[in-house]
């Protein structure tokens, strides 16, 4: 359990930092599906993480205004009903976007989430076990769960020319 938002936000930022290396990869390096990343490409990983951060941002936006989040309730129910089918929809939808758009979202959404969390009263998320667990699941725990995918994408990338 976190005692204050700053501690959480610092940990989240530190856990996110390794993923920023994806922004430096070429389009080709981000586009190749990899066995070591459950068949996902770097692009897929970026879209996946951005999507769930975006859901967390929407929940934070609601919590800034009210005690509970209907978006969280709906997202939880959808996940319980469909699970990984949602992740496949995220992947397919991201393929329809220009890679520059995927990169832009990946660059911007994490900061937006952090920004919204700074205005949510701590009693609504950090001191509320249900919401604290939700934000951990969509940030630091989620990042940790995908570290092997990140490592596979970065290991397969073409080294920059010297």
C-alpha atoms as a PDB file:
ATOM      1  CA  UNK A   1       0.000   0.000   0.000  1.00  0.00           C
ATOM      2  CA  UNK A   2       1.219   3.452  -0.847  1.00  0.00           C
ATOM      3  CA  UNK A   3       1.118   6.256   1.700  1.00  0.00           C
ATOM      4  CA  UNK A   4       1.010   9.108  -0.795  1.00  0.00           C
ATOM      5  CA  UNK A   5       0.471   9.742  -4.487  1.00  0.00           C
ATOM      6  CA  UNK A   6       4.000  11.010  -5.072  1.00  0.00           C
ATOM      7  CA  UNK A   7       5.476   7.663  -4.026  1.00  0.00           C
ATOM      8  CA  UNK A   8       3.143   5.792  -6.380  1.00  0.00           C
ATOM      9  CA  UNK A   9       3.808   8.188  -9.262  1.00  0.00           C
ATOM     10  CA  UNK A  10       7.581   7.923  -8.797  1.00  0.00           C
ATOM     11  CA  UNK A  11       7.394   4.116  -8.837  1.00  0.00           C
ATOM     12  CA  UNK A  12       5.112   4.157 -11.865  1.00  0.00           C
ATOM     13  CA  UNK A  13       7.446   6.505 -13.726  1.00  0.00           C
ATOM     14  CA  UNK A  14      10.479   4.365 -12.921  1.00  0.00           C
ATOM     15  CA  UNK A  15       8.682   1.187 -14.021  1.00  0.00           C
ATOM     16  CA  UNK A  16       7.608   2.832 -17.297  1.00  0.00           C
ATOM     17  CA  UNK A  17      11.032   4.240 -18.218  1.00  0.00           C
ATOM     18  CA  UNK A  18      12.415   1.024 -19.829  1.00  0.00           C
ATOM     19  CA  UNK A  19       9.474   0.958 -22.249  1.00  0.00           C
ATOM     20  CA  UNK A  20      10.451   4.339 -23.637  1.00  0.00           C
ATOM     21  CA  UNK A  21      13.245   2.550 -25.517  1.00  0.00           C
ATOM     22  CA  UNK A  22      10.529   1.332 -27.900  1.00  0.00           C
ATOM     23  CA  UNK A  23      10.171   4.895 -29.170  1.00  0.00           C
ATOM     24  CA  UNK A  24      13.726   4.747 -30.508  1.00  0.00           C
ATOM     25  CA  UNK A  25      13.194   1.651 -32.655  1.00  0.00           C
ATOM     26  CA  UNK A  26      12.729   1.752 -36.404  1.00  0.00           C
ATOM     27  CA  UNK A  27       9.387   1.067 -38.018  1.00  0.00           C
ATOM     28  CA  UNK A  28      10.704  -2.297 -39.192  1.00  0.00           C
ATOM     29  CA  UNK A  29      11.864  -3.254 -35.690  1.00  0.00           C
ATOM     30  CA  UNK A  30       8.445  -2.358 -34.266  1.00  0.00           C
ATOM     31  CA  UNK A  31       6.551  -4.271 -36.932  1.00  0.00           C
ATOM     32  CA  UNK A  32       8.020  -7.777 -36.736  1.00  0.00           C
ATOM     33  CA  UNK A  33       5.995 -10.305 -34.690  1.00  0.00           C
ATOM     34  CA  UNK A  34       8.208 -12.161 -32.220  1.00  0.00           C
ATOM     35  CA  UNK A  35       7.827 -15.594 -30.680  1.00  0.00           C
ATOM     36  CA  UNK A  36       9.429 -14.281 -27.482  1.00  0.00           C
ATOM     37  CA  UNK A  37       6.633 -11.728 -27.122  1.00  0.00           C
ATOM     38  CA  UNK A  38       3.707 -14.162 -27.633  1.00  0.00           C
ATOM     39  CA  UNK A  39       3.694 -13.391 -31.329  1.00  0.00           C
ATOM     40  CA  UNK A  40       3.304  -9.682 -30.746  1.00  0.00           C
ATOM     41  CA  UNK A  41       5.406  -7.018 -32.400  1.00  0.00           C
ATOM     42  CA  UNK A  42       6.769  -3.965 -30.613  1.00  0.00           C
ATOM     43  CA  UNK A  43       3.903  -2.035 -32.169  1.00  0.00           C
ATOM     44  CA  UNK A  44       1.409  -4.495 -30.638  1.00  0.00           C
ATOM     45  CA  UNK A  45       3.042  -4.133 -27.225  1.00  0.00           C
ATOM     46  CA  UNK A  46       2.945  -0.341 -27.481  1.00  0.00           C
ATOM     47  CA  UNK A  47      -0.735  -0.354 -28.460  1.00  0.00           C
ATOM     48  CA  UNK A  48      -1.623  -2.819 -25.717  1.00  0.00           C
ATOM     49  CA  UNK A  49       0.025  -0.844 -22.929  1.00  0.00           C
ATOM     50  CA  UNK A  50      -1.319   2.469 -24.241  1.00  0.00           C
ATOM     51  CA  UNK A  51      -4.853   1.138 -24.408  1.00  0.00           C
ATOM     52  CA  UNK A  52      -4.903   0.003 -20.788  1.00  0.00           C
ATOM     53  CA  UNK A  53      -3.254   3.250 -19.662  1.00  0.00           C
ATOM     54  CA  UNK A  54      -5.988   5.080 -21.556  1.00  0.00           C
ATOM     55  CA  UNK A  55      -8.656   3.107 -19.675  1.00  0.00           C
ATOM     56  CA  UNK A  56      -6.888   4.003 -16.419  1.00  0.00           C
ATOM     57  CA  UNK A  57      -6.834   7.664 -17.492  1.00  0.00           C
ATOM     58  CA  UNK A  58     -10.581   7.585 -18.135  1.00  0.00           C
ATOM     59  CA  UNK A  59     -11.137   6.051 -14.690  1.00  0.00           C
ATOM     60  CA  UNK A  60      -8.900   8.692 -13.078  1.00  0.00           C
ATOM     61  CA  UNK A  61     -10.854  11.412 -14.883  1.00  0.00           C
ATOM     62  CA  UNK A  62     -14.088  10.098 -13.403  1.00  0.00           C
ATOM     63  CA  UNK A  63     -12.574   9.742  -9.927  1.00  0.00           C
ATOM     64  CA  UNK A  64     -11.495  13.374 -10.049  1.00  0.00           C
ATOM     65  CA  UNK A  65     -15.198  14.241 -10.184  1.00  0.00           C
ATOM     66  CA  UNK A  66     -16.935  11.477  -8.218  1.00  0.00           C
ATOM     67  CA  UNK A  67     -16.375   8.683  -5.714  1.00  0.00           C
ATOM     68  CA  UNK A  68     -16.685   5.825  -8.195  1.00  0.00           C
ATOM     69  CA  UNK A  69     -16.009   5.129 -11.842  1.00  0.00           C
ATOM     70  CA  UNK A  70     -18.679   3.651 -14.108  1.00  0.00           C
ATOM     71  CA  UNK A  71     -15.937   3.196 -16.731  1.00  0.00           C
ATOM     72  CA  UNK A  72     -14.025   0.902 -14.368  1.00  0.00           C
ATOM     73  CA  UNK A  73     -17.170  -1.102 -13.627  1.00  0.00           C
ATOM     74  CA  UNK A  74     -17.850  -1.500 -17.362  1.00  0.00           C
ATOM     75  CA  UNK A  75     -14.209  -2.336 -18.173  1.00  0.00           C
ATOM     76  CA  UNK A  76     -14.093  -4.949 -15.398  1.00  0.00           C
ATOM     77  CA  UNK A  77     -17.337  -6.538 -16.614  1.00  0.00           C
ATOM     78  CA  UNK A  78     -16.076  -6.555 -20.208  1.00  0.00           C
ATOM     79  CA  UNK A  79     -12.794  -8.172 -19.146  1.00  0.00           C
ATOM     80  CA  UNK A  80     -14.626 -10.787 -17.078  1.00  0.00           C
ATOM     81  CA  UNK A  81     -16.834 -11.601 -20.072  1.00  0.00           C
ATOM     82  CA  UNK A  82     -14.253 -11.514 -22.871  1.00  0.00           C
ATOM     83  CA  UNK A  83     -10.742 -11.478 -21.413  1.00  0.00           C
ATOM     84  CA  UNK A  84      -7.940 -11.750 -23.949  1.00  0.00           C
ATOM     85  CA  UNK A  85     -10.375 -11.275 -26.814  1.00  0.00           C
ATOM     86  CA  UNK A  86     -10.156  -7.583 -25.886  1.00  0.00           C
ATOM     87  CA  UNK A  87      -6.371  -7.638 -26.247  1.00  0.00           C
ATOM     88  CA  UNK A  88      -6.703  -9.081 -29.731  1.00  0.00           C
ATOM     89  CA  UNK A  89      -9.187  -6.329 -30.640  1.00  0.00           C
ATOM     90  CA  UNK A  90      -6.684  -3.747 -29.369  1.00  0.00           C
ATOM     91  CA  UNK A  91      -3.948  -5.302 -31.507  1.00  0.00           C
ATOM     92  CA  UNK A  92      -6.073  -5.407 -34.657  1.00  0.00           C
ATOM     93  CA  UNK A  93      -7.364  -1.856 -34.167  1.00  0.00           C
ATOM     94  CA  UNK A  94      -3.811  -0.565 -33.752  1.00  0.00           C
ATOM     95  CA  UNK A  95      -2.795  -2.162 -37.056  1.00  0.00           C
ATOM     96  CA  UNK A  96      -5.256   0.174 -38.768  1.00  0.00           C
ATOM     97  CA  UNK A  97      -3.468   3.210 -37.315  1.00  0.00           C
ATOM     98  CA  UNK A  98      -0.370   4.787 -38.810  1.00  0.00           C
ATOM     99  CA  UNK A  99       2.685   3.804 -36.770  1.00  0.00           C
ATOM    100  CA  UNK A 100       3.292   7.488 -36.031  1.00  0.00           C
ATOM    101  CA  UNK A 101      -0.111   7.567 -34.286  1.00  0.00           C
ATOM    102  CA  UNK A 102       0.759   4.486 -32.221  1.00  0.00           C
ATOM    103  CA  UNK A 103       4.056   6.151 -31.254  1.00  0.00           C
ATOM    104  CA  UNK A 104       2.327   9.428 -30.389  1.00  0.00           C
ATOM    105  CA  UNK A 105      -0.222   7.736 -28.140  1.00  0.00           C
ATOM    106  CA  UNK A 106       2.534   5.706 -26.491  1.00  0.00           C
ATOM    107  CA  UNK A 107       4.487   8.895 -25.835  1.00  0.00           C
ATOM    108  CA  UNK A 108       1.550  10.983 -24.527  1.00  0.00           C
ATOM    109  CA  UNK A 109      -0.880   8.750 -22.655  1.00  0.00           C
ATOM    110  CA  UNK A 110       1.406   7.808 -19.730  1.00  0.00           C
ATOM    111  CA  UNK A 111       1.954  11.480 -18.871  1.00  0.00           C
ATOM    112  CA  UNK A 112      -1.749  12.188 -19.181  1.00  0.00           C
ATOM    113  CA  UNK A 113      -2.483   9.378 -16.745  1.00  0.00           C
ATOM    114  CA  UNK A 114       0.063  10.711 -14.256  1.00  0.00           C
ATOM    115  CA  UNK A 115      -1.389  14.190 -14.629  1.00  0.00           C
ATOM    116  CA  UNK A 116      -4.940  13.059 -13.945  1.00  0.00           C
ATOM    117  CA  UNK A 117      -3.861  11.004 -10.946  1.00  0.00           C
ATOM    118  CA  UNK A 118      -2.376  14.134  -9.367  1.00  0.00           C
ATOM    119  CA  UNK A 119      -5.840  15.736  -9.209  1.00  0.00           C
ATOM    120  CA  UNK A 120      -7.764  12.699  -7.958  1.00  0.00           C
ATOM    121  CA  UNK A 121      -8.206  12.856  -4.180  1.00  0.00           C
ATOM    122  CA  UNK A 122      -6.027  10.129  -2.680  1.00  0.00           C
ATOM    123  CA  UNK A 123      -9.008   8.783  -0.734  1.00  0.00           C
ATOM    124  CA  UNK A 124     -10.615   7.827  -4.035  1.00  0.00           C
ATOM    125  CA  UNK A 125      -7.755   5.786  -5.419  1.00  0.00           C
ATOM    126  CA  UNK A 126      -4.692   5.394  -3.244  1.00  0.00           C
ATOM    127  CA  UNK A 127      -6.560   4.882   0.023  1.00  0.00           C
ATOM    128  CA  UNK A 128      -9.265   2.787  -1.646  1.00  0.00           C
ATOM    129  CA  UNK A 129      -8.038  -0.792  -2.041  1.00  0.00           C
ATOM    130  CA  UNK A 130     -10.216  -1.573  -5.072  1.00  0.00           C
ATOM    131  CA  UNK A 131      -9.019   1.450  -7.026  1.00  0.00           C
ATOM    132  CA  UNK A 132      -5.433   1.224  -5.836  1.00  0.00           C
ATOM    133  CA  UNK A 133      -5.338  -2.377  -7.073  1.00  0.00           C
ATOM    134  CA  UNK A 134      -6.889  -1.282 -10.366  1.00  0.00           C
ATOM    135  CA  UNK A 135      -4.246   1.392 -10.965  1.00  0.00           C
ATOM    136  CA  UNK A 136      -1.457  -0.998  -9.976  1.00  0.00           C
ATOM    137  CA  UNK A 137      -2.865  -3.612 -12.379  1.00  0.00           C
ATOM    138  CA  UNK A 138      -2.948  -1.106 -15.254  1.00  0.00           C
ATOM    139  CA  UNK A 139       0.484   0.401 -14.537  1.00  0.00           C
ATOM    140  CA  UNK A 140       3.363  -1.057 -12.547  1.00  0.00           C
ATOM    141  CA  UNK A 141       2.060  -4.624 -12.325  1.00  0.00           C
ATOM    142  CA  UNK A 142       1.160  -4.538 -16.014  1.00  0.00           C
ATOM    143  CA  UNK A 143       4.579  -3.205 -16.970  1.00  0.00           C
ATOM    144  CA  UNK A 144       6.261  -5.925 -14.919  1.00  0.00           C
ATOM    145  CA  UNK A 145       4.121  -8.582 -16.600  1.00  0.00           C
ATOM    146  CA  UNK A 146       5.365  -7.463 -20.024  1.00  0.00           C
ATOM    147  CA  UNK A 147       9.086  -7.044 -19.266  1.00  0.00           C
ATOM    148  CA  UNK A 148       9.925 -10.283 -21.096  1.00  0.00           C
ATOM    149  CA  UNK A 149       8.010  -9.007 -24.145  1.00  0.00           C
ATOM    150  CA  UNK A 150       9.918  -5.737 -23.995  1.00  0.00           C
ATOM    151  CA  UNK A 151      13.223  -7.598 -23.715  1.00  0.00           C
ATOM    152  CA  UNK A 152      12.337  -9.758 -26.731  1.00  0.00           C
ATOM    153  CA  UNK A 153      11.457  -6.741 -28.867  1.00  0.00           C
ATOM    154  CA  UNK A 154      14.598  -4.845 -27.884  1.00  0.00           C
ATOM    155  CA  UNK A 155      16.827  -7.906 -28.377  1.00  0.00           C
ATOM    156  CA  UNK A 156      15.461  -8.474 -31.883  1.00  0.00           C
ATOM    157  CA  UNK A 157      15.945  -4.850 -32.923  1.00  0.00           C
ATOM    158  CA  UNK A 158      18.580  -3.999 -35.481  1.00  0.00           C
ATOM    159  CA  UNK A 159      21.480  -2.252 -33.758  1.00  0.00           C
ATOM    160  CA  UNK A 160      21.842   1.388 -34.839  1.00  0.00           C
ATOM    161  CA  UNK A 161      24.524   2.052 -37.439  1.00  0.00           C
ATOM    162  CA  UNK A 162      27.697   3.465 -36.013  1.00  0.00           C
END
